[in-house]
N, C-alpha and C. Protein backbone atom coordinates (compact mmCIF):
# COMPACT_ATOMS: atom_id res chain seq x y z
N MET A 1 -75.34 -26.66 -52.08
CA MET A 1 -75.33 -27.91 -52.81
C MET A 1 -76.40 -27.92 -53.89
N LYS A 2 -77.62 -27.45 -53.55
CA LYS A 2 -78.70 -27.41 -54.53
C LYS A 2 -78.34 -26.51 -55.70
N ASN A 3 -77.73 -25.36 -55.41
CA ASN A 3 -77.34 -24.45 -56.48
C ASN A 3 -76.32 -25.09 -57.41
N ALA A 4 -75.39 -25.82 -56.84
CA ALA A 4 -74.37 -26.48 -57.66
C ALA A 4 -75.00 -27.53 -58.56
N LEU A 5 -75.96 -28.28 -58.05
CA LEU A 5 -76.66 -29.28 -58.86
C LEU A 5 -77.48 -28.62 -59.95
N ALA A 6 -78.12 -27.52 -59.64
CA ALA A 6 -78.92 -26.81 -60.65
C ALA A 6 -78.02 -26.27 -61.76
N ILE A 7 -76.88 -25.75 -61.41
CA ILE A 7 -75.94 -25.23 -62.41
C ILE A 7 -75.41 -26.37 -63.27
N LEU A 8 -75.08 -27.50 -62.65
CA LEU A 8 -74.60 -28.66 -63.40
C LEU A 8 -75.68 -29.17 -64.35
N ALA A 9 -76.91 -29.24 -63.89
CA ALA A 9 -78.01 -29.71 -64.74
C ALA A 9 -78.20 -28.76 -65.93
N LEU A 10 -78.13 -27.47 -65.70
CA LEU A 10 -78.26 -26.49 -66.77
C LEU A 10 -77.12 -26.63 -67.77
N ALA A 11 -75.91 -26.86 -67.29
CA ALA A 11 -74.75 -27.03 -68.17
C ALA A 11 -74.92 -28.26 -69.04
N VAL A 12 -75.41 -29.35 -68.48
CA VAL A 12 -75.62 -30.58 -69.25
C VAL A 12 -76.70 -30.36 -70.30
N LEU A 13 -77.79 -29.73 -69.95
CA LEU A 13 -78.86 -29.46 -70.91
C LEU A 13 -78.38 -28.55 -72.03
N THR A 14 -77.63 -27.55 -71.71
CA THR A 14 -77.11 -26.62 -72.71
C THR A 14 -76.13 -27.32 -73.64
N ALA A 15 -75.28 -28.17 -73.11
CA ALA A 15 -74.28 -28.86 -73.91
C ALA A 15 -74.91 -29.93 -74.81
N ALA A 16 -76.07 -30.45 -74.43
CA ALA A 16 -76.69 -31.54 -75.18
C ALA A 16 -77.28 -31.09 -76.51
N ALA A 17 -77.53 -29.81 -76.67
CA ALA A 17 -78.15 -29.31 -77.90
C ALA A 17 -77.13 -28.48 -78.68
N PRO A 18 -76.39 -29.13 -79.61
CA PRO A 18 -75.40 -28.37 -80.38
C PRO A 18 -76.08 -27.35 -81.30
N LYS A 19 -75.43 -26.23 -81.45
CA LYS A 19 -75.94 -25.21 -82.36
C LYS A 19 -75.77 -25.73 -83.78
N PRO A 20 -76.83 -25.64 -84.59
CA PRO A 20 -76.70 -26.15 -85.96
C PRO A 20 -75.72 -25.34 -86.78
N ALA A 21 -74.98 -26.03 -87.64
CA ALA A 21 -74.06 -25.37 -88.56
C ALA A 21 -74.83 -24.70 -89.69
N LEU A 22 -76.04 -25.21 -89.95
CA LEU A 22 -76.86 -24.71 -91.05
C LEU A 22 -78.33 -24.91 -90.67
N VAL A 23 -79.15 -23.94 -91.01
CA VAL A 23 -80.61 -24.06 -90.86
C VAL A 23 -81.20 -24.01 -92.26
N VAL A 24 -81.95 -25.05 -92.61
CA VAL A 24 -82.62 -25.12 -93.90
C VAL A 24 -84.11 -24.94 -93.65
N HIS A 25 -84.70 -23.97 -94.33
CA HIS A 25 -86.14 -23.71 -94.18
C HIS A 25 -86.91 -24.42 -95.28
N LEU A 26 -88.00 -25.05 -94.90
CA LEU A 26 -88.93 -25.64 -95.85
C LEU A 26 -90.03 -24.62 -96.02
N SER A 27 -89.97 -23.90 -97.13
CA SER A 27 -90.83 -22.74 -97.32
C SER A 27 -91.25 -22.64 -98.79
N ASP A 28 -92.51 -22.32 -99.02
CA ASP A 28 -93.03 -22.20 -100.38
C ASP A 28 -92.75 -23.47 -101.20
N PHE A 29 -92.89 -24.62 -100.54
CA PHE A 29 -92.69 -25.92 -101.17
C PHE A 29 -91.29 -26.07 -101.77
N SER A 30 -90.28 -25.56 -101.04
CA SER A 30 -88.90 -25.71 -101.48
C SER A 30 -87.98 -25.72 -100.26
N PHE A 31 -86.78 -26.26 -100.46
CA PHE A 31 -85.73 -26.21 -99.45
C PHE A 31 -84.96 -24.91 -99.66
N LYS A 32 -84.76 -24.15 -98.60
CA LYS A 32 -84.05 -22.88 -98.70
C LYS A 32 -82.95 -22.84 -97.66
N PRO A 33 -81.68 -22.91 -98.06
CA PRO A 33 -81.19 -22.92 -99.43
C PRO A 33 -81.43 -24.28 -100.10
N ALA A 34 -81.49 -24.25 -101.43
CA ALA A 34 -81.73 -25.47 -102.19
C ALA A 34 -80.51 -26.39 -102.19
N SER A 35 -79.32 -25.81 -102.02
CA SER A 35 -78.11 -26.62 -101.91
C SER A 35 -77.14 -25.92 -100.97
N ALA A 36 -76.35 -26.74 -100.28
CA ALA A 36 -75.38 -26.19 -99.32
C ALA A 36 -74.31 -27.23 -99.06
N THR A 37 -73.22 -26.78 -98.45
CA THR A 37 -72.12 -27.66 -98.08
C THR A 37 -71.85 -27.51 -96.59
N VAL A 38 -71.71 -28.65 -95.90
CA VAL A 38 -71.38 -28.67 -94.48
C VAL A 38 -70.23 -29.66 -94.28
N SER A 39 -69.72 -29.73 -93.07
CA SER A 39 -68.62 -30.64 -92.74
C SER A 39 -69.14 -31.87 -92.01
N VAL A 40 -68.38 -32.95 -92.10
CA VAL A 40 -68.70 -34.15 -91.32
C VAL A 40 -68.76 -33.75 -89.84
N GLY A 41 -69.77 -34.19 -89.15
CA GLY A 41 -69.97 -33.85 -87.75
C GLY A 41 -70.88 -32.66 -87.53
N ASP A 42 -71.19 -31.92 -88.61
CA ASP A 42 -72.09 -30.77 -88.49
C ASP A 42 -73.53 -31.23 -88.32
N THR A 43 -74.28 -30.43 -87.59
CA THR A 43 -75.72 -30.65 -87.42
C THR A 43 -76.46 -29.65 -88.29
N VAL A 44 -77.44 -30.14 -89.03
CA VAL A 44 -78.29 -29.29 -89.87
C VAL A 44 -79.70 -29.35 -89.30
N GLU A 45 -80.28 -28.19 -89.10
CA GLU A 45 -81.66 -28.10 -88.61
C GLU A 45 -82.57 -27.76 -89.79
N PHE A 46 -83.67 -28.47 -89.90
CA PHE A 46 -84.66 -28.25 -90.94
C PHE A 46 -85.92 -27.73 -90.26
N VAL A 47 -86.43 -26.58 -90.73
CA VAL A 47 -87.59 -25.94 -90.11
C VAL A 47 -88.70 -25.81 -91.14
N ASN A 48 -89.88 -26.32 -90.82
CA ASN A 48 -91.02 -26.22 -91.73
C ASN A 48 -91.74 -24.89 -91.50
N ASP A 49 -91.61 -23.99 -92.47
CA ASP A 49 -92.28 -22.69 -92.41
C ASP A 49 -93.61 -22.69 -93.15
N ASP A 50 -93.93 -23.77 -93.84
CA ASP A 50 -95.18 -23.85 -94.60
C ASP A 50 -96.33 -24.28 -93.69
N ALA A 51 -97.54 -24.05 -94.16
CA ALA A 51 -98.75 -24.45 -93.43
C ALA A 51 -99.12 -25.90 -93.73
N PHE A 52 -98.26 -26.60 -94.46
CA PHE A 52 -98.50 -27.98 -94.85
C PHE A 52 -97.40 -28.86 -94.28
N PRO A 53 -97.68 -30.12 -93.99
CA PRO A 53 -96.62 -30.99 -93.51
C PRO A 53 -95.62 -31.31 -94.62
N HIS A 54 -94.38 -31.54 -94.23
CA HIS A 54 -93.33 -31.94 -95.14
C HIS A 54 -92.50 -33.03 -94.48
N THR A 55 -91.63 -33.66 -95.26
CA THR A 55 -90.59 -34.53 -94.72
C THR A 55 -89.26 -34.07 -95.27
N VAL A 56 -88.21 -34.45 -94.58
CA VAL A 56 -86.84 -34.28 -95.09
C VAL A 56 -86.32 -35.70 -95.25
N THR A 57 -86.26 -36.15 -96.48
CA THR A 57 -85.93 -37.54 -96.76
C THR A 57 -84.75 -37.60 -97.73
N ALA A 58 -83.73 -38.37 -97.37
CA ALA A 58 -82.62 -38.60 -98.28
C ALA A 58 -83.05 -39.63 -99.30
N SER A 59 -82.85 -39.32 -100.57
CA SER A 59 -83.27 -40.26 -101.62
C SER A 59 -82.52 -41.58 -101.51
N SER A 60 -81.35 -41.57 -100.86
CA SER A 60 -80.56 -42.79 -100.66
C SER A 60 -81.11 -43.66 -99.53
N GLY A 61 -82.02 -43.09 -98.73
CA GLY A 61 -82.55 -43.80 -97.57
C GLY A 61 -81.71 -43.61 -96.32
N ALA A 62 -80.69 -42.73 -96.37
CA ALA A 62 -79.79 -42.52 -95.24
C ALA A 62 -80.51 -41.95 -94.02
N PHE A 63 -81.55 -41.15 -94.24
CA PHE A 63 -82.30 -40.56 -93.13
C PHE A 63 -83.68 -40.12 -93.61
N ASP A 64 -84.58 -39.96 -92.65
CA ASP A 64 -85.94 -39.49 -92.93
C ASP A 64 -86.47 -38.85 -91.65
N SER A 65 -86.91 -37.62 -91.78
CA SER A 65 -87.41 -36.89 -90.61
C SER A 65 -88.75 -37.39 -90.12
N GLY A 66 -89.48 -38.08 -90.98
CA GLY A 66 -90.88 -38.34 -90.66
C GLY A 66 -91.67 -37.06 -90.88
N ASN A 67 -92.89 -37.04 -90.45
CA ASN A 67 -93.78 -35.89 -90.66
C ASN A 67 -93.31 -34.67 -89.87
N LEU A 68 -93.18 -33.54 -90.57
CA LEU A 68 -92.89 -32.26 -89.91
C LEU A 68 -94.07 -31.33 -90.15
N ASP A 69 -94.85 -31.11 -89.11
CA ASP A 69 -95.97 -30.19 -89.22
C ASP A 69 -95.47 -28.75 -89.24
N GLU A 70 -96.38 -27.82 -89.48
CA GLU A 70 -96.06 -26.39 -89.51
C GLU A 70 -95.33 -25.97 -88.23
N HIS A 71 -94.27 -25.22 -88.40
CA HIS A 71 -93.44 -24.67 -87.31
C HIS A 71 -92.66 -25.72 -86.53
N LYS A 72 -92.62 -26.94 -87.02
CA LYS A 72 -91.82 -27.98 -86.36
C LYS A 72 -90.44 -28.04 -87.01
N SER A 73 -89.48 -28.53 -86.25
CA SER A 73 -88.13 -28.65 -86.79
C SER A 73 -87.58 -30.04 -86.49
N TRP A 74 -86.54 -30.37 -87.22
CA TRP A 74 -85.86 -31.66 -87.06
C TRP A 74 -84.39 -31.43 -87.37
N SER A 75 -83.52 -32.05 -86.61
CA SER A 75 -82.09 -31.88 -86.81
C SER A 75 -81.44 -33.22 -87.10
N TYR A 76 -80.37 -33.16 -87.90
CA TYR A 76 -79.62 -34.36 -88.25
C TYR A 76 -78.13 -34.02 -88.24
N THR A 77 -77.35 -34.88 -87.61
CA THR A 77 -75.90 -34.70 -87.58
C THR A 77 -75.29 -35.65 -88.60
N PHE A 78 -74.55 -35.09 -89.54
CA PHE A 78 -73.96 -35.86 -90.63
C PHE A 78 -72.64 -36.48 -90.18
N LYS A 79 -72.57 -37.79 -90.23
CA LYS A 79 -71.40 -38.52 -89.78
C LYS A 79 -70.54 -39.04 -90.93
N LYS A 80 -71.06 -38.99 -92.15
CA LYS A 80 -70.32 -39.49 -93.32
C LYS A 80 -70.29 -38.43 -94.41
N ALA A 81 -69.14 -38.32 -95.07
CA ALA A 81 -69.03 -37.42 -96.21
C ALA A 81 -69.84 -37.99 -97.37
N GLY A 82 -70.31 -37.10 -98.22
CA GLY A 82 -71.07 -37.53 -99.39
C GLY A 82 -72.00 -36.45 -99.88
N THR A 83 -72.73 -36.78 -100.91
CA THR A 83 -73.72 -35.88 -101.46
C THR A 83 -75.09 -36.48 -101.18
N TYR A 84 -75.94 -35.71 -100.55
CA TYR A 84 -77.25 -36.19 -100.13
C TYR A 84 -78.34 -35.44 -100.89
N ALA A 85 -79.05 -36.16 -101.74
CA ALA A 85 -80.21 -35.59 -102.44
C ALA A 85 -81.38 -35.63 -101.47
N LEU A 86 -82.03 -34.48 -101.29
CA LEU A 86 -83.16 -34.36 -100.36
C LEU A 86 -84.46 -34.26 -101.12
N MET A 87 -85.50 -34.76 -100.50
CA MET A 87 -86.84 -34.61 -101.07
C MET A 87 -87.87 -34.65 -99.96
N CYS A 88 -89.07 -34.21 -100.30
CA CYS A 88 -90.23 -34.32 -99.42
C CYS A 88 -91.09 -35.45 -99.99
N THR A 89 -91.40 -36.45 -99.19
CA THR A 89 -92.18 -37.57 -99.70
C THR A 89 -93.61 -37.16 -100.05
N TYR A 90 -94.12 -36.11 -99.42
CA TYR A 90 -95.46 -35.62 -99.74
C TYR A 90 -95.50 -34.81 -101.03
N HIS A 91 -94.39 -34.14 -101.32
CA HIS A 91 -94.31 -33.23 -102.47
C HIS A 91 -93.05 -33.57 -103.26
N PRO A 92 -93.11 -34.57 -104.17
CA PRO A 92 -91.92 -35.07 -104.85
C PRO A 92 -91.15 -34.04 -105.68
N ASN A 93 -91.78 -32.93 -106.03
CA ASN A 93 -91.07 -31.88 -106.77
C ASN A 93 -90.22 -31.01 -105.86
N MET A 94 -90.35 -31.18 -104.57
CA MET A 94 -89.61 -30.41 -103.57
C MET A 94 -88.29 -31.13 -103.33
N LYS A 95 -87.19 -30.55 -103.86
CA LYS A 95 -85.89 -31.21 -103.81
C LYS A 95 -84.80 -30.26 -103.34
N GLY A 96 -83.77 -30.83 -102.76
CA GLY A 96 -82.61 -30.08 -102.32
C GLY A 96 -81.38 -30.96 -102.38
N MET A 97 -80.22 -30.38 -102.05
CA MET A 97 -78.96 -31.13 -102.11
C MET A 97 -78.04 -30.64 -100.99
N LEU A 98 -77.47 -31.57 -100.26
CA LEU A 98 -76.47 -31.24 -99.25
C LEU A 98 -75.20 -32.01 -99.56
N THR A 99 -74.08 -31.28 -99.56
CA THR A 99 -72.78 -31.90 -99.73
C THR A 99 -72.09 -31.88 -98.37
N VAL A 100 -71.60 -33.03 -97.95
CA VAL A 100 -70.91 -33.14 -96.66
C VAL A 100 -69.45 -33.50 -96.96
N ARG A 101 -68.54 -32.65 -96.47
CA ARG A 101 -67.09 -32.86 -96.71
C ARG A 101 -66.37 -33.16 -95.44
């Protein structure tokens, strides 16, 4: 019985974390890739590779990661189609674009 519960718990934990459709790296004060296209329902993971904090903020206000320190990541699942202009609130010249179809 304990083994069955442990297997069920592991299955739930594994299922709860969807594999991202795209990983965007925040590196050298830029989004890499700078632009990409994903589908509605896709999850995008943003990883800060810089030694400085960044944010992943939609200029439309649709989402904001908050502070991402070095080696931290944040994921967002896109539920609506559209074009999302990205920026870092700390570094306004750091911009990207995601198209969701």
